[in-house]
């Protein structure tokens, strides 16, 4: 059996052969495959964080959670809050992060615990960060003081 090669593609075949002639006979060494495994393991994300915070939400704006760490790059996937224990008609959620070294409010939205769903998808997607994202909450009802606000989020190392 003969293999007919189109003369127009012969140059391409020679280029491929030149690039593959120097490949090692053995598969990649363990240090390379370990490095690749480390990078792909990060894609699975960290263990989801689920907890709650109890504060006097009506007295003043109070911290729910601080996510991330200074100079550590992460993607924050899905930050959800539960206001199921609250009764206020104006529940304000704010997010803060550093912009050029100064903490700034980057998100603010108000909800009504009597009409909005109890689970709030504050971040539904991914936010890249290299510092701390601080999540706060404030209520307009004193009955919300000392009530738990549940939260859930997932980080992925970058």
Protein backbone atom coordinates (compact mmCIF):
# COMPACT_ATOMS: atom_id res chain seq x y z
CA UNK A 1 0.00 0.00 0.00
CA UNK A 2 1.36 3.40 -0.79
CA UNK A 3 0.63 6.68 0.91
CA UNK A 4 0.11 9.51 -1.51
CA UNK A 5 1.01 12.92 -0.13
CA UNK A 6 -0.24 16.06 -1.74
CA UNK A 7 2.85 18.11 -2.65
CA UNK A 8 1.12 21.26 -1.36
CA UNK A 9 0.86 19.77 2.16
CA UNK A 10 4.39 18.33 2.24
CA UNK A 11 5.76 21.50 3.88
CA UNK A 12 3.22 21.25 6.68
CA UNK A 13 4.14 17.61 7.28
CA UNK A 14 7.83 18.50 7.49
CA UNK A 15 7.05 21.26 10.02
CA UNK A 16 5.07 18.84 12.18
CA UNK A 17 7.85 16.24 12.00
CA UNK A 18 10.45 18.85 13.00
CA UNK A 19 8.40 19.85 16.04
CA UNK A 20 7.79 16.28 17.17
CA UNK A 21 11.30 14.91 16.63
CA UNK A 22 12.51 16.41 19.91
CA UNK A 23 9.66 15.19 22.13
CA UNK A 24 10.74 12.92 25.00
CA UNK A 25 10.00 9.20 24.77
CA UNK A 26 8.75 9.07 28.36
CA UNK A 27 5.68 10.96 29.63
CA UNK A 28 6.15 14.21 31.53
CA UNK A 29 8.11 13.94 34.75
CA UNK A 30 6.25 13.87 38.04
CA UNK A 31 7.06 17.47 38.99
CA UNK A 32 5.29 18.74 35.86
CA UNK A 33 2.25 16.55 36.35
CA UNK A 34 2.08 17.51 40.05
CA UNK A 35 2.10 21.18 39.10
CA UNK A 36 -0.70 20.63 36.61
CA UNK A 37 -2.69 18.66 39.18
CA UNK A 38 -2.26 21.46 41.73
CA UNK A 39 -3.59 24.00 39.23
CA UNK A 40 -6.57 21.86 38.22
CA UNK A 41 -7.40 21.00 41.85
CA UNK A 42 -7.90 24.73 42.50
CA UNK A 43 -10.68 24.75 39.90
CA UNK A 44 -12.83 22.65 42.23
CA UNK A 45 -13.01 25.59 44.65
CA UNK A 46 -12.67 25.60 48.38
CA UNK A 47 -15.16 24.00 50.72
CA UNK A 48 -18.35 26.09 50.80
CA UNK A 49 -18.65 28.35 53.84
CA UNK A 50 -21.97 28.29 55.68
CA UNK A 51 -22.48 30.15 58.94
CA UNK A 52 -24.52 32.88 60.57
CA UNK A 53 -24.00 36.22 62.30
CA UNK A 54 -26.05 37.67 65.13
CA UNK A 55 -25.90 41.43 65.68
CA UNK A 56 -28.09 44.35 66.60
CA UNK A 57 -29.08 44.99 62.99
CA UNK A 58 -31.37 47.93 63.69
CA UNK A 59 -29.05 49.78 66.06
CA UNK A 60 -26.46 50.33 63.31
CA UNK A 61 -25.07 48.81 60.14
CA UNK A 62 -23.23 45.66 61.28
CA UNK A 63 -20.85 43.15 59.71
CA UNK A 64 -22.29 39.85 58.52
CA UNK A 65 -19.03 38.37 57.22
CA UNK A 66 -15.64 39.33 55.77
CA UNK A 67 -14.63 37.18 52.82
CA UNK A 68 -11.10 36.69 51.48
CA UNK A 69 -7.74 37.94 52.67
CA UNK A 70 -5.34 40.76 51.85
CA UNK A 71 -3.12 40.04 48.83
CA UNK A 72 -4.78 36.65 48.17
CA UNK A 73 -6.46 36.30 44.79
CA UNK A 74 -9.83 34.53 44.79
CA UNK A 75 -13.02 34.32 42.83
CA UNK A 76 -16.08 34.62 45.02
CA UNK A 77 -18.87 32.45 43.62
CA UNK A 78 -22.38 32.85 44.95
CA UNK A 79 -22.86 34.83 48.11
CA UNK A 80 -26.32 34.19 49.56
CA UNK A 81 -27.89 35.64 52.69
CA UNK A 82 -30.99 34.49 54.53
CA UNK A 83 -33.23 37.12 56.09
CA UNK A 84 -35.81 34.55 57.17
CA UNK A 85 -35.39 35.51 60.86
CA UNK A 86 -35.90 39.23 60.21
CA UNK A 87 -39.10 41.28 60.05
CA UNK A 88 -37.90 44.71 58.92
CA UNK A 89 -39.41 46.33 55.85
CA UNK A 90 -36.07 47.89 54.87
CA UNK A 91 -33.20 45.39 55.13
CA UNK A 92 -30.16 47.00 53.51
CA UNK A 93 -27.23 44.84 52.39
CA UNK A 94 -23.94 46.51 51.51
CA UNK A 95 -20.65 45.19 50.15
CA UNK A 96 -17.33 46.96 50.66
CA UNK A 97 -13.93 46.31 49.12
CA UNK A 98 -10.69 48.18 48.72
CA UNK A 99 -10.24 50.18 45.56
CA UNK A 100 -6.70 51.49 45.18
CA UNK A 101 -6.09 50.76 48.86
CA UNK A 102 -9.20 52.51 50.23
CA UNK A 103 -12.31 50.62 51.36
CA UNK A 104 -15.32 51.71 49.28
CA UNK A 105 -18.96 50.71 49.18
CA UNK A 106 -19.38 48.81 45.92
CA UNK A 107 -22.92 47.47 46.33
CA UNK A 108 -26.07 48.46 48.21
CA UNK A 109 -29.56 47.05 47.90
CA UNK A 110 -32.59 47.10 50.18
CA UNK A 111 -35.07 44.28 50.70
CA UNK A 112 -38.37 43.86 52.55
CA UNK A 113 -38.41 40.80 54.82
CA UNK A 114 -42.20 40.66 54.61
CA UNK A 115 -42.41 40.52 50.79
CA UNK A 116 -39.01 39.51 49.37
CA UNK A 117 -37.88 35.88 49.37
CA UNK A 118 -36.00 34.81 52.51
CA UNK A 119 -32.92 33.77 50.50
CA UNK A 120 -31.07 36.61 48.80
CA UNK A 121 -28.53 35.89 46.04
CA UNK A 122 -26.27 38.89 46.68
CA UNK A 123 -23.55 37.68 44.30
CA UNK A 124 -24.80 35.29 41.65
CA UNK A 125 -21.79 34.64 39.46
CA UNK A 126 -18.14 35.37 40.14
CA UNK A 127 -16.29 38.36 41.57
CA UNK A 128 -12.52 38.37 41.35
CA UNK A 129 -10.85 39.85 44.40
CA UNK A 130 -7.37 40.26 45.85
CA UNK A 131 -8.48 41.58 49.20
CA UNK A 132 -11.33 41.35 51.69
CA UNK A 133 -14.97 41.81 50.73
CA UNK A 134 -16.92 42.99 53.76
CA UNK A 135 -20.65 42.24 53.87
CA UNK A 136 -22.90 44.35 56.12
CA UNK A 137 -26.59 44.47 56.91
CA UNK A 138 -28.91 47.00 58.53
CA UNK A 139 -32.61 46.78 59.40
CA UNK A 140 -35.23 49.42 60.14
CA UNK A 141 -36.91 47.28 62.83
CA UNK A 142 -35.67 46.92 66.43
CA UNK A 143 -37.26 43.45 66.53
CA UNK A 144 -34.40 42.32 64.25
CA UNK A 145 -31.75 43.01 66.89
CA UNK A 146 -30.05 39.83 68.16
CA UNK A 147 -31.49 37.77 65.27
CA UNK A 148 -29.31 35.44 63.20
CA UNK A 149 -28.59 36.16 59.54
CA UNK A 150 -27.36 33.06 57.73
CA UNK A 151 -24.86 33.25 54.88
CA UNK A 152 -23.30 30.91 52.36
CA UNK A 153 -20.51 31.46 49.86
CA UNK A 154 -17.80 29.65 47.90
CA UNK A 155 -14.28 30.81 47.03
CA UNK A 156 -12.03 29.58 44.23
CA UNK A 157 -8.30 30.25 44.44
CA UNK A 158 -6.84 32.00 41.40
